[in-house]
Amino acid sequence: MPGRPSLLRNWLSLSGLVIVIGSLFSFLLLFLLDSLAHFSNPYVGILTYFVAPGFLFLGLLLTIIGALRERKKLGEAAGVLPRMVVDLSRPRDRKLMGMFIAGSLLFLLLSAIGSYHTYHFTESVQFCGQACHKVMEPELVTYQHGPHARVACVECHIGPGATWFVKSKLSGTYQVYATLFEKYPRPIPTPIKNLRPAQETCEQCHWPKKFVGNLDRTYNYFLADETNTPFTVRMTMKVGGGDPTHGPVGGIHWHMNVGNKVEYIAAKLANGRWVPDETRQSIPWVRIIDEQGVVTEFRRPGFTNDPAHFAIRTMDCMDCHNRPAHIFKTPNKAVNLALALGKLDRNLPWIKSNAVYALTLKYTNRTEALRRIATLLAEAYPPEKFPTQQPSVRTAIDVVQQIYRDNFFPEMKASWENYPDNIGHLIWPGCFRCHDGKHTTADGKRSVKATDCNTCHTILAQGQGEELNLLTPGGQKFRHPGGDDVDGDCWDCHTGGL
């Protein structure tokens, strides 16, 4: 008796069934490994919740296509296919029905668990930072050493709510394509154009109406001389606040959008005309709206353009705190910190300048950089000249190499040079983008001049040794380290290197 025709009796459908069975087995195995592992592995997560389900649906699709093709091929013969009749009075049908229901429930359960894990996995730090290892390595490493290391990436880059979650996933689709086909820029440009407003992310944790008052800060520096002379500045930072119900309005946080609204245009001169400045380092136009609704407009000389022709941005946290999580330390700052913590031996002559010099050289890759740093420092302190200090030299090599690993990523061309930090005004204009004393109103009223050091902070003590015990509550005039008389802006000389 000839066998009954079957829609699944074709190579395409059989291949699809094999893929379905294999993907289910792989999903179960990988899910078990991922659940029992003592650490989170992003690559296992990708295989479990993306690759395996992808093959499952591919197998099902092949099975269906094969069945449809077979039905078309059989033509009229397909009409003799037996109809599926379920008779629960028969033990065999009851058994098959029970198996079908149990299998369906198991499949739905696994799908629900997989969907739950997929949702949370795509929001994890491991996925954001390690799945695209080469591209996101600078961001991941600096994040791990930053002040927000315990805040998940999505808390700032996505925030609460479904709308921005969907936007991020749509944006992530292109990012996956760019990563796979190496279409991404090096370095990754900032600021991010489509970053969610700070009011919806930063202020979920940082209460905007809080009155901070004054903060005591101490900054340790070391001169680039033979003895690595220390120079410390202790100052009071006038942070203040912007809400009169919680404290006097004033200080640095006066700029917050609580009682005042600050708007600005970022533009720069190019070939004699003003064009948008994507880096937001040049600000020729500022408008302030106070709590009474009084509008004051400031312009830099030469900017006579109509503001309506430019994008007007409302100032928020990110305009000053633009590196809240991914901080690339400058060579000078990183070496100062290592000296202050005793990781680098101050008794090594010129160690400050030698370490900074080694970090500021241009390298094509990390291997070359680490090898060259070791060679430079070893040659600077030969054993025949520094026999008793060789342990300190070896320690210095390790410390400087680690500074490089944490802050320099030559393959992505990422370092402090590519990412301006707008807090302060040492190596980038920062506050002086607006407070340069050049922005004026139509009647000649000038903006607050940040050239007065006491506007935002008061120097309580400076120098070294006993000088730091001589506190001056009213403030001291800044004394430039080394006793040099300087004229000009800090960033004219300070580059982050030597």
Protein backbone atom coordinates (compact mmCIF):
# COMPACT_ATOMS: atom_id res chain seq x y z
CA MET A 1 0.00 0.00 0.00
CA PRO A 2 1.56 3.30 -1.05
CA GLY A 3 2.37 5.66 1.84
CA ARG A 4 0.29 8.74 2.44
CA PRO A 5 1.81 11.99 1.17
CA SER A 6 3.30 14.35 3.79
CA LEU A 7 3.93 18.07 3.46
CA LEU A 8 7.06 17.75 5.62
CA ARG A 9 8.61 15.04 3.51
CA ASN A 10 11.01 17.35 1.66
CA TRP A 11 14.60 18.39 2.22
CA LEU A 12 13.77 22.03 3.00
CA SER A 13 11.26 21.21 5.74
CA LEU A 14 13.42 18.43 7.15
CA SER A 15 16.40 20.79 7.26
CA GLY A 16 14.22 23.37 9.03
CA LEU A 17 13.13 20.80 11.63
CA VAL A 18 16.75 19.84 12.26
CA ILE A 19 17.62 23.55 12.77
CA VAL A 20 14.65 23.97 15.14
CA ILE A 21 15.68 20.97 17.26
CA GLY A 22 19.32 22.06 17.28
CA SER A 23 18.50 25.65 18.24
CA LEU A 24 16.19 24.52 21.05
CA PHE A 25 18.91 22.24 22.40
CA SER A 26 21.50 25.04 22.11
CA PHE A 27 19.20 27.52 23.84
CA LEU A 28 18.54 25.16 26.75
CA LEU A 29 22.23 24.35 27.14
CA LEU A 30 23.36 27.97 26.93
CA PHE A 31 20.55 29.12 29.21
CA LEU A 32 21.68 26.58 31.79
CA LEU A 33 25.29 27.70 31.50
CA ASP A 34 24.31 31.38 31.75
CA SER A 35 22.12 30.76 34.79
CA LEU A 36 24.69 28.70 36.70
CA ALA A 37 27.73 30.83 35.85
CA HIS A 38 29.23 32.90 38.66
CA PHE A 39 29.91 35.82 36.31
CA SER A 40 28.11 37.53 33.46
CA ASN A 41 29.52 36.84 30.00
CA PRO A 42 28.11 39.07 27.26
CA TYR A 43 29.04 36.66 24.50
CA VAL A 44 27.16 33.78 26.11
CA GLY A 45 24.21 36.13 26.51
CA ILE A 46 24.29 37.07 22.83
CA LEU A 47 24.39 33.40 21.80
CA THR A 48 21.60 32.49 24.22
CA TYR A 49 19.12 35.28 23.67
CA PHE A 50 19.88 36.41 20.13
CA VAL A 51 21.64 33.77 18.03
CA ALA A 52 19.78 30.65 19.26
CA PRO A 53 16.27 32.19 18.96
CA GLY A 54 17.27 33.54 15.55
CA PHE A 55 18.09 30.06 14.31
CA LEU A 56 14.87 28.75 15.86
CA PHE A 57 12.74 31.14 13.84
CA LEU A 58 14.86 30.47 10.76
CA GLY A 59 14.19 26.74 11.13
CA LEU A 60 10.46 27.31 11.54
CA LEU A 61 10.44 29.54 8.47
CA LEU A 62 12.24 26.92 6.37
CA THR A 63 9.83 24.25 7.58
CA ILE A 64 6.78 26.31 6.61
CA ILE A 65 8.24 27.30 3.21
CA GLY A 66 9.09 23.67 2.49
CA ALA A 67 5.57 22.55 3.43
CA LEU A 68 3.96 25.18 1.21
CA ARG A 69 6.17 24.24 -1.71
CA GLU A 70 5.39 20.55 -1.19
CA ARG A 71 1.66 21.27 -1.08
CA LYS A 72 1.90 23.17 -4.36
CA LYS A 73 3.95 20.35 -5.88
CA LEU A 74 1.46 17.67 -4.85
CA GLY A 75 -1.42 19.63 -6.36
CA GLU A 76 -4.57 17.50 -6.33
CA ALA A 77 -2.80 14.77 -4.40
CA ALA A 78 -2.66 17.11 -1.46
CA GLY A 79 -6.41 16.66 -1.16
CA VAL A 80 -5.94 13.07 -0.02
CA LEU A 81 -3.91 14.17 2.98
CA PRO A 82 -5.59 12.87 6.07
CA ARG A 83 -7.54 15.38 8.10
CA MET A 84 -6.44 15.84 11.66
CA VAL A 85 -9.18 14.48 13.87
CA VAL A 86 -8.79 14.61 17.64
CA ASP A 87 -10.94 12.10 19.51
CA LEU A 88 -10.34 12.44 23.25
CA SER A 89 -12.21 9.18 23.85
CA ARG A 90 -9.17 7.40 22.46
CA PRO A 91 -6.21 6.96 24.84
CA ARG A 92 -3.70 7.67 22.07
CA ASP A 93 -5.27 11.03 21.22
CA ARG A 94 -5.47 12.01 24.88
CA LYS A 95 -1.78 11.19 25.28
CA LEU A 96 -0.79 13.17 22.18
CA MET A 97 -2.95 16.11 23.27
CA GLY A 98 -1.33 16.11 26.71
CA MET A 99 2.13 16.04 25.17
CA PHE A 100 1.18 18.89 22.83
CA ILE A 101 -0.18 21.06 25.67
CA ALA A 102 2.85 20.32 27.89
CA GLY A 103 5.25 21.11 25.05
CA SER A 104 3.40 24.32 24.22
CA LEU A 105 3.44 25.48 27.85
CA LEU A 106 7.15 24.65 28.10
CA PHE A 107 7.86 26.57 24.90
CA LEU A 108 5.88 29.59 26.12
CA LEU A 109 7.67 29.46 29.47
CA LEU A 110 11.07 29.35 27.81
CA SER A 111 10.04 32.16 25.46
CA ALA A 112 8.91 34.30 28.40
CA ILE A 113 12.12 33.65 30.32
CA GLY A 114 14.19 34.28 27.23
CA SER A 115 12.36 37.54 26.51
CA TYR A 116 12.83 38.68 30.11
CA HIS A 117 16.55 37.90 30.03
CA THR A 118 16.92 39.48 26.61
CA TYR A 119 15.30 42.72 27.81
CA HIS A 120 17.57 42.98 30.85
CA PHE A 121 20.64 41.74 29.02
CA THR A 122 20.41 44.49 26.40
CA GLU A 123 20.31 47.01 29.26
CA SER A 124 23.32 45.58 31.08
CA VAL A 125 26.72 47.22 31.34
CA GLN A 126 28.28 44.05 29.92
CA PHE A 127 26.20 44.32 26.75
CA CYS A 128 26.80 48.06 26.32
CA GLY A 129 30.52 47.90 27.03
CA GLN A 130 31.75 44.46 26.02
CA ALA A 131 29.54 43.20 23.20
CA CYS A 132 31.13 45.83 20.94
CA HIS A 133 34.50 45.44 22.64
CA LYS A 134 36.76 47.47 20.35
CA VAL A 135 34.32 50.33 19.78
CA MET A 136 33.13 50.78 23.36
CA GLU A 137 36.34 49.89 25.20
CA PRO A 138 37.30 53.54 25.92
CA GLU A 139 33.82 54.26 27.29
CA LEU A 140 33.71 51.06 29.36
CA VAL A 141 37.16 51.48 30.93
CA THR A 142 36.68 55.15 31.79
CA TYR A 143 33.18 54.38 33.09
CA GLN A 144 34.58 51.71 35.42
CA HIS A 145 37.00 54.28 36.89
CA GLY A 146 34.52 57.13 36.94
CA PRO A 147 32.23 58.54 39.64
CA HIS A 148 29.15 56.81 38.16
CA ALA A 149 30.64 53.31 37.98
CA ARG A 150 27.66 51.84 39.87
CA VAL A 151 25.06 53.49 37.67
CA ALA A 152 23.98 51.34 34.73
CA CYS A 153 24.63 52.77 31.26
CA VAL A 154 20.91 52.83 30.42
CA GLU A 155 20.11 55.02 33.43
CA CYS A 156 21.81 57.94 31.68
CA HIS A 157 21.70 57.00 28.01
CA ILE A 158 18.06 55.88 27.99
CA GLY A 159 16.34 56.67 31.28
CA PRO A 160 12.82 55.65 32.34
CA GLY A 161 9.87 55.16 30.00
CA ALA A 162 9.15 53.15 26.87
CA THR A 163 9.55 55.99 24.35
CA TRP A 164 13.27 56.48 24.82
CA PHE A 165 13.78 52.72 25.13
CA VAL A 166 12.32 52.26 21.64
CA LYS A 167 14.36 55.20 20.30
CA SER A 168 17.56 53.70 21.69
CA LYS A 169 16.86 50.31 20.14
CA LEU A 170 16.16 51.88 16.75
CA SER A 171 19.37 53.87 17.04
CA GLY A 172 21.17 50.73 18.16
CA THR A 173 20.20 48.97 14.93
CA TYR A 174 22.40 51.31 12.91
CA GLN A 175 25.14 51.07 15.54
CA VAL A 176 25.22 47.28 15.13
CA TYR A 177 25.54 47.74 11.37
CA ALA A 178 28.29 50.34 11.82
CA THR A 179 30.18 48.04 14.17
CA LEU A 180 29.93 44.97 11.94
CA PHE A 181 31.10 46.84 8.84
CA GLU A 182 33.46 49.25 10.67
CA LYS A 183 31.56 52.36 9.62
CA TYR A 184 31.99 54.07 12.97
CA PRO A 185 34.15 57.22 13.42
CA ARG A 186 37.36 57.23 15.44
CA PRO A 187 37.12 58.74 18.00
CA ILE A 188 33.40 58.54 18.73
CA PRO A 189 32.22 62.16 18.44
CA THR A 190 30.73 64.07 21.35
CA PRO A 191 28.49 65.59 22.53
CA ILE A 192 25.85 63.05 21.61
CA LYS A 193 23.19 64.85 19.59
CA ASN A 194 20.25 62.67 20.59
CA LEU A 195 21.15 62.33 24.28
CA ARG A 196 18.10 62.52 26.50
CA PRO A 197 17.70 65.84 28.39
CA ALA A 198 19.45 65.91 31.76
CA GLN A 199 16.19 66.83 33.50
CA GLU A 200 14.92 63.34 32.64
CA THR A 201 18.09 61.43 33.59
CA CYS A 202 20.58 63.23 35.86
CA GLU A 203 17.85 64.78 37.96
CA GLN A 204 16.33 61.39 38.73
CA CYS A 205 19.15 61.05 41.30
CA HIS A 206 20.57 64.57 41.63
CA TRP A 207 17.86 66.73 43.16
CA PRO A 208 17.97 70.04 41.22
CA LYS A 209 16.52 72.17 44.03
CA LYS A 210 19.07 71.05 46.59
CA PHE A 211 21.16 73.85 48.08
CA VAL A 212 24.77 72.69 48.11
CA GLY A 213 26.48 75.72 49.62
CA ASN A 214 30.29 75.83 49.65
CA LEU A 215 32.52 72.80 49.17
CA ASP A 216 36.08 72.44 50.45
CA ARG A 217 38.40 71.10 47.73
CA THR A 218 42.15 70.38 47.76
CA TYR A 219 44.15 70.02 44.54
CA ASN A 220 47.64 68.53 44.59
CA TYR A 221 50.13 69.47 41.88
CA PHE A 222 53.79 68.69 41.30
CA LEU A 223 56.15 70.83 39.27
CA ALA A 224 58.05 69.42 36.31
CA ASP A 225 61.43 70.06 37.94
CA GLU A 226 64.21 67.81 39.18
CA THR A 227 62.80 67.48 42.71
CA ASN A 228 59.14 67.16 41.63
CA THR A 229 58.26 70.08 43.92
CA PRO A 230 54.74 69.76 45.37
CA PHE A 231 52.28 72.64 45.18
CA THR A 232 48.84 72.35 46.75
CA VAL A 233 45.83 74.61 46.38
CA ARG A 234 43.00 74.41 48.91
CA MET A 235 39.90 76.35 47.99
CA THR A 236 36.23 76.80 48.74
CA MET A 237 34.01 76.11 45.74
CA LYS A 238 30.94 78.33 45.75
CA VAL A 239 28.45 75.81 44.39
CA GLY A 240 25.36 77.39 45.97
CA GLY A 241 21.96 76.71 44.42
CA GLY A 242 19.21 78.10 42.25
CA ASP A 243 16.09 77.69 44.38
CA PRO A 244 15.36 80.45 46.94
CA THR A 245 13.22 78.11 49.07
CA HIS A 246 16.27 76.00 49.97
CA GLY A 247 19.03 78.58 50.30
CA PRO A 248 20.38 81.83 48.87
CA VAL A 249 20.38 81.91 45.10
CA GLY A 250 23.90 82.18 43.76
CA GLY A 251 27.11 80.34 43.14
CA ILE A 252 27.88 77.96 40.30
CA HIS A 253 24.49 76.24 40.45
CA TRP A 254 22.77 79.55 39.80
CA HIS A 255 22.84 78.40 36.19
CA MET A 256 20.46 75.51 36.87
CA ASN A 257 17.04 75.70 35.24
CA VAL A 258 15.20 76.08 38.54
CA GLY A 259 14.66 79.83 38.79
CA ASN A 260 16.64 80.94 35.75
CA LYS A 261 16.62 79.84 32.15
CA VAL A 262 19.88 80.10 30.21
CA GLU A 263 19.90 79.61 26.44
CA TYR A 264 22.84 79.77 24.07
CA ILE A 265 24.05 79.28 20.52
CA ALA A 266 27.17 77.23 19.81
CA ALA A 267 28.82 78.62 16.69
CA LYS A 268 32.32 79.31 15.38
CA LEU A 269 33.86 81.39 12.64
CA ALA A 270 34.82 79.48 9.49
CA ASN A 271 35.94 81.28 6.36
CA GLY A 272 34.55 84.55 7.68
CA ARG A 273 31.07 83.27 8.54
CA TRP A 274 29.47 81.81 11.64
CA VAL A 275 28.67 78.09 11.41
CA PRO A 276 27.34 75.67 14.07
CA ASP A 277 29.97 74.36 16.47
CA GLU A 278 29.15 70.72 17.08
CA THR A 279 31.61 70.55 20.00
CA ARG A 280 29.88 73.46 21.82
CA GLN A 281 33.23 75.04 22.68
CA SER A 282 32.47 78.41 21.08
CA ILE A 283 29.42 80.28 22.40
CA PRO A 284 28.91 83.74 20.84
CA TRP A 285 25.31 84.31 21.97
CA VAL A 286 23.63 83.85 25.37
CA ARG A 287 20.11 84.69 26.53
CA ILE A 288 19.04 84.69 30.19
CA ILE A 289 15.43 84.67 31.36
CA ASP A 290 15.14 85.20 35.12
CA GLU A 291 12.29 84.07 37.37
CA GLN A 292 10.41 87.37 36.79
CA GLY A 293 10.58 86.81 33.03
CA VAL A 294 13.15 89.55 32.36
CA VAL A 295 15.14 88.71 29.22
CA THR A 296 18.80 89.69 28.86
CA GLU A 297 20.74 88.91 25.69
CA PHE A 298 24.54 88.84 25.43
CA ARG A 299 26.59 88.74 22.25
CA ARG A 300 30.25 88.35 21.51
CA PRO A 301 31.76 91.07 19.28
CA GLY A 302 31.29 90.16 15.63
CA PHE A 303 28.24 87.97 16.12
CA THR A 304 25.50 90.05 14.52
CA ASN A 305 23.58 87.12 13.05
CA ASP A 306 19.91 86.43 13.58
CA PRO A 307 19.63 83.80 16.37
CA ALA A 308 16.66 82.28 14.56
CA HIS A 309 19.08 80.92 11.96
CA PHE A 310 20.84 78.76 14.56
CA ALA A 311 19.83 76.01 16.94
CA ILE A 312 19.20 77.52 20.38
CA ARG A 313 20.02 75.14 23.22
CA THR A 314 18.70 75.43 26.75
CA MET A 315 21.53 74.98 29.21
CA ASP A 316 21.38 71.93 31.46
CA CYS A 317 23.70 69.82 33.61
CA MET A 318 25.56 68.37 30.63
CA ASP A 319 26.81 71.74 29.41
CA CYS A 320 29.24 71.94 32.35
CA HIS A 321 29.27 68.36 33.60
CA ASN A 322 29.84 67.04 30.09
CA ARG A 323 32.11 64.17 31.22
CA PRO A 324 30.13 62.75 34.15
CA ALA A 325 30.98 59.09 33.56
CA HIS A 326 33.66 58.80 30.85
CA ILE A 327 36.60 60.85 32.10
CA PHE A 328 39.85 60.65 30.18
CA LYS A 329 42.47 61.96 32.63
CA THR A 330 45.17 64.18 31.19
CA PRO A 331 48.75 62.94 31.59
CA ASN A 332 49.46 65.82 33.95
CA LYS A 333 46.46 65.11 36.17
CA ALA A 334 46.98 61.35 36.24
CA VAL A 335 50.68 61.67 37.16
CA ASN A 336 49.91 64.31 39.82
CA LEU A 337 47.43 61.90 41.40
CA ALA A 338 49.92 59.02 41.31
CA LEU A 339 52.56 61.20 43.00
CA ALA A 340 50.09 62.44 45.62
CA LEU A 341 49.08 58.85 46.45
CA GLY A 342 52.70 57.72 46.69
CA LYS A 343 52.42 55.34 43.74
CA LEU A 344 55.27 57.18 42.06
CA ASP A 345 58.43 57.85 44.08
CA ARG A 346 59.03 61.60 44.32
CA ASN A 347 62.70 60.90 45.03
CA LEU A 348 63.19 59.83 41.42
CA PRO A 349 64.58 62.98 39.78
CA TRP A 350 62.36 64.42 37.05
CA ILE A 351 59.85 61.57 37.39
CA LYS A 352 56.94 64.00 36.90
CA SER A 353 58.21 65.31 33.57
CA ASN A 354 59.52 61.93 32.40
CA ALA A 355 56.22 60.17 33.11
CA VAL A 356 54.14 62.89 31.45
CA TYR A 357 56.46 62.94 28.44
CA ALA A 358 56.12 59.18 27.97
CA LEU A 359 52.33 59.47 28.10
CA THR A 360 52.07 62.33 25.62
CA LEU A 361 53.96 60.65 22.78
CA LYS A 362 51.89 59.41 19.85
CA TYR A 363 51.51 55.64 19.54
CA THR A 364 49.74 53.57 16.90
CA ASN A 365 48.63 50.80 19.26
CA ARG A 366 48.70 49.82 22.92
CA THR A 367 51.44 47.22 22.58
CA GLU A 368 53.80 49.78 21.10
CA ALA A 369 52.84 52.31 23.79
CA LEU A 370 53.47 50.02 26.74
CA ARG A 371 56.80 48.85 25.32
CA ARG A 372 57.93 52.39 24.58
CA ILE A 373 56.91 53.68 28.03
CA ALA A 374 58.95 50.92 29.68
CA THR A 375 61.97 51.67 27.48
CA LEU A 376 61.87 55.43 28.04
CA LEU A 377 61.65 55.20 31.82
CA ALA A 378 64.26 52.43 32.02
CA GLU A 379 66.67 54.51 29.92
CA ALA A 380 66.00 57.60 32.06
CA TYR A 381 67.11 55.75 35.19
CA PRO A 382 69.92 53.31 34.23
CA PRO A 383 71.06 50.86 36.96
CA GLU A 384 74.64 52.15 36.93
CA LYS A 385 73.43 55.66 37.81
CA PHE A 386 70.46 54.77 40.04
CA PRO A 387 71.43 51.40 41.60
CA THR A 388 69.38 51.72 44.78
CA GLN A 389 66.28 53.12 43.07
CA GLN A 390 65.65 50.33 40.59
CA PRO A 391 62.63 48.96 42.56
CA SER A 392 61.06 52.45 42.33
CA VAL A 393 61.84 52.56 38.61
CA ARG A 394 60.11 49.22 38.00
CA THR A 395 57.12 50.41 40.04
CA ALA A 396 57.04 53.64 38.06
CA ILE A 397 56.96 51.70 34.79
CA ASP A 398 53.99 49.64 36.03
CA VAL A 399 52.13 52.73 37.27
CA VAL A 400 52.64 54.77 34.09
CA GLN A 401 51.65 51.80 31.91
CA GLN A 402 48.46 51.41 33.94
CA ILE A 403 47.69 55.11 33.55
CA TYR A 404 48.00 54.60 29.80
CA ARG A 405 45.68 51.56 29.82
CA ASP A 406 43.04 53.48 31.76
CA ASN A 407 43.06 56.68 29.74
CA PHE A 408 44.54 56.15 26.27
CA PHE A 409 43.07 54.09 23.44
CA PRO A 410 45.13 54.64 20.27
CA GLU A 411 43.12 52.19 18.14
CA MET A 412 40.02 54.35 18.71
CA LYS A 413 42.05 57.59 18.81
CA ALA A 414 40.48 58.32 22.19
CA SER A 415 42.25 60.36 24.85
CA TRP A 416 41.85 63.61 26.75
CA GLU A 417 42.81 65.58 23.62
CA ASN A 418 39.62 64.57 21.80
CA TYR A 419 37.17 65.08 24.65
CA PRO A 420 36.97 68.59 26.15
CA ASP A 421 36.02 68.74 29.82
CA ASN A 422 33.97 71.86 30.62
CA ILE A 423 34.33 71.69 34.40
CA GLY A 424 36.67 74.49 35.36
CA HIS A 425 39.02 76.28 32.99
CA LEU A 426 42.51 74.76 33.25
CA ILE A 427 43.09 73.17 29.84
CA TRP A 428 39.74 73.93 28.16
CA PRO A 429 37.81 77.22 28.19
CA GLY A 430 34.96 75.65 30.18
CA CYS A 431 33.34 78.47 32.16
CA PHE A 432 35.08 81.06 29.97
CA ARG A 433 33.04 80.03 26.94
CA CYS A 434 30.49 82.52 28.28
CA HIS A 435 32.27 84.28 31.16
CA ASP A 436 35.10 85.81 29.18
CA GLY A 437 34.07 89.41 29.76
CA LYS A 438 33.57 89.90 26.02
CA HIS A 439 29.87 89.10 25.80
CA THR A 440 27.89 92.35 25.97
CA THR A 441 24.32 93.51 25.74
CA ALA A 442 23.09 96.14 23.30
CA ASP A 443 23.51 98.84 25.98
CA GLY A 444 27.07 97.77 26.79
CA LYS A 445 26.33 95.77 29.94
CA ARG A 446 28.92 93.04 30.30
CA SER A 447 28.52 89.50 31.50
CA VAL A 448 30.05 88.36 34.77
CA LYS A 449 33.79 88.20 34.29
CA ALA A 450 35.15 84.84 35.39
CA THR A 451 38.62 86.37 35.36
CA ASP A 452 37.92 87.29 39.01
CA CYS A 453 39.07 84.14 40.80
CA ASN A 454 36.76 84.82 43.75
CA THR A 455 33.61 84.66 41.63
CA CYS A 456 33.28 80.89 41.83
CA HIS A 457 35.88 79.93 44.44
CA THR A 458 38.01 81.32 47.24
CA ILE A 459 41.61 80.19 47.74
CA LEU A 460 42.05 79.35 51.42
CA ALA A 461 45.66 78.19 51.30
CA GLN A 462 48.31 77.39 48.71
CA GLY A 463 51.89 76.24 48.52
CA GLN A 464 53.46 73.43 50.55
CA GLY A 465 54.32 72.45 54.11
CA GLU A 466 53.39 75.01 56.75
CA GLU A 467 51.89 77.32 54.13
CA LEU A 468 48.88 75.00 53.95
CA ASN A 469 48.15 75.57 57.65
CA LEU A 470 47.82 79.33 57.15
CA LEU A 471 44.17 79.46 56.15
CA THR A 472 42.79 82.77 54.92
CA PRO A 473 38.96 82.79 55.16
CA GLY A 474 38.77 85.95 53.08
CA GLY A 475 40.76 84.34 50.30
CA GLN A 476 44.25 84.69 48.85
CA LYS A 477 45.40 85.95 45.51
CA PHE A 478 46.36 83.03 43.32
CA ARG A 479 50.10 82.44 43.29
CA HIS A 480 51.22 80.60 40.18
CA PRO A 481 53.37 77.54 41.02
CA GLY A 482 57.05 78.20 40.47
CA GLY A 483 56.63 81.93 41.06
CA ASP A 484 56.10 82.74 37.39
CA ASP A 485 54.16 85.84 36.43
CA VAL A 486 51.52 84.81 33.92
CA ASP A 487 49.30 86.85 31.69
CA GLY A 488 46.52 85.21 29.76
CA ASP A 489 44.13 82.34 30.11
CA CYS A 490 45.07 79.08 31.80
CA TRP A 491 44.45 76.95 28.72
CA ASP A 492 46.82 79.07 26.64
CA CYS A 493 49.70 77.24 28.32
CA HIS A 494 48.16 74.23 30.02
CA THR A 495 47.45 71.50 27.49
CA GLY A 496 47.15 68.51 29.80
CA GLY A 497 50.69 67.43 29.00
CA LEU A 498 53.89 69.31 29.78
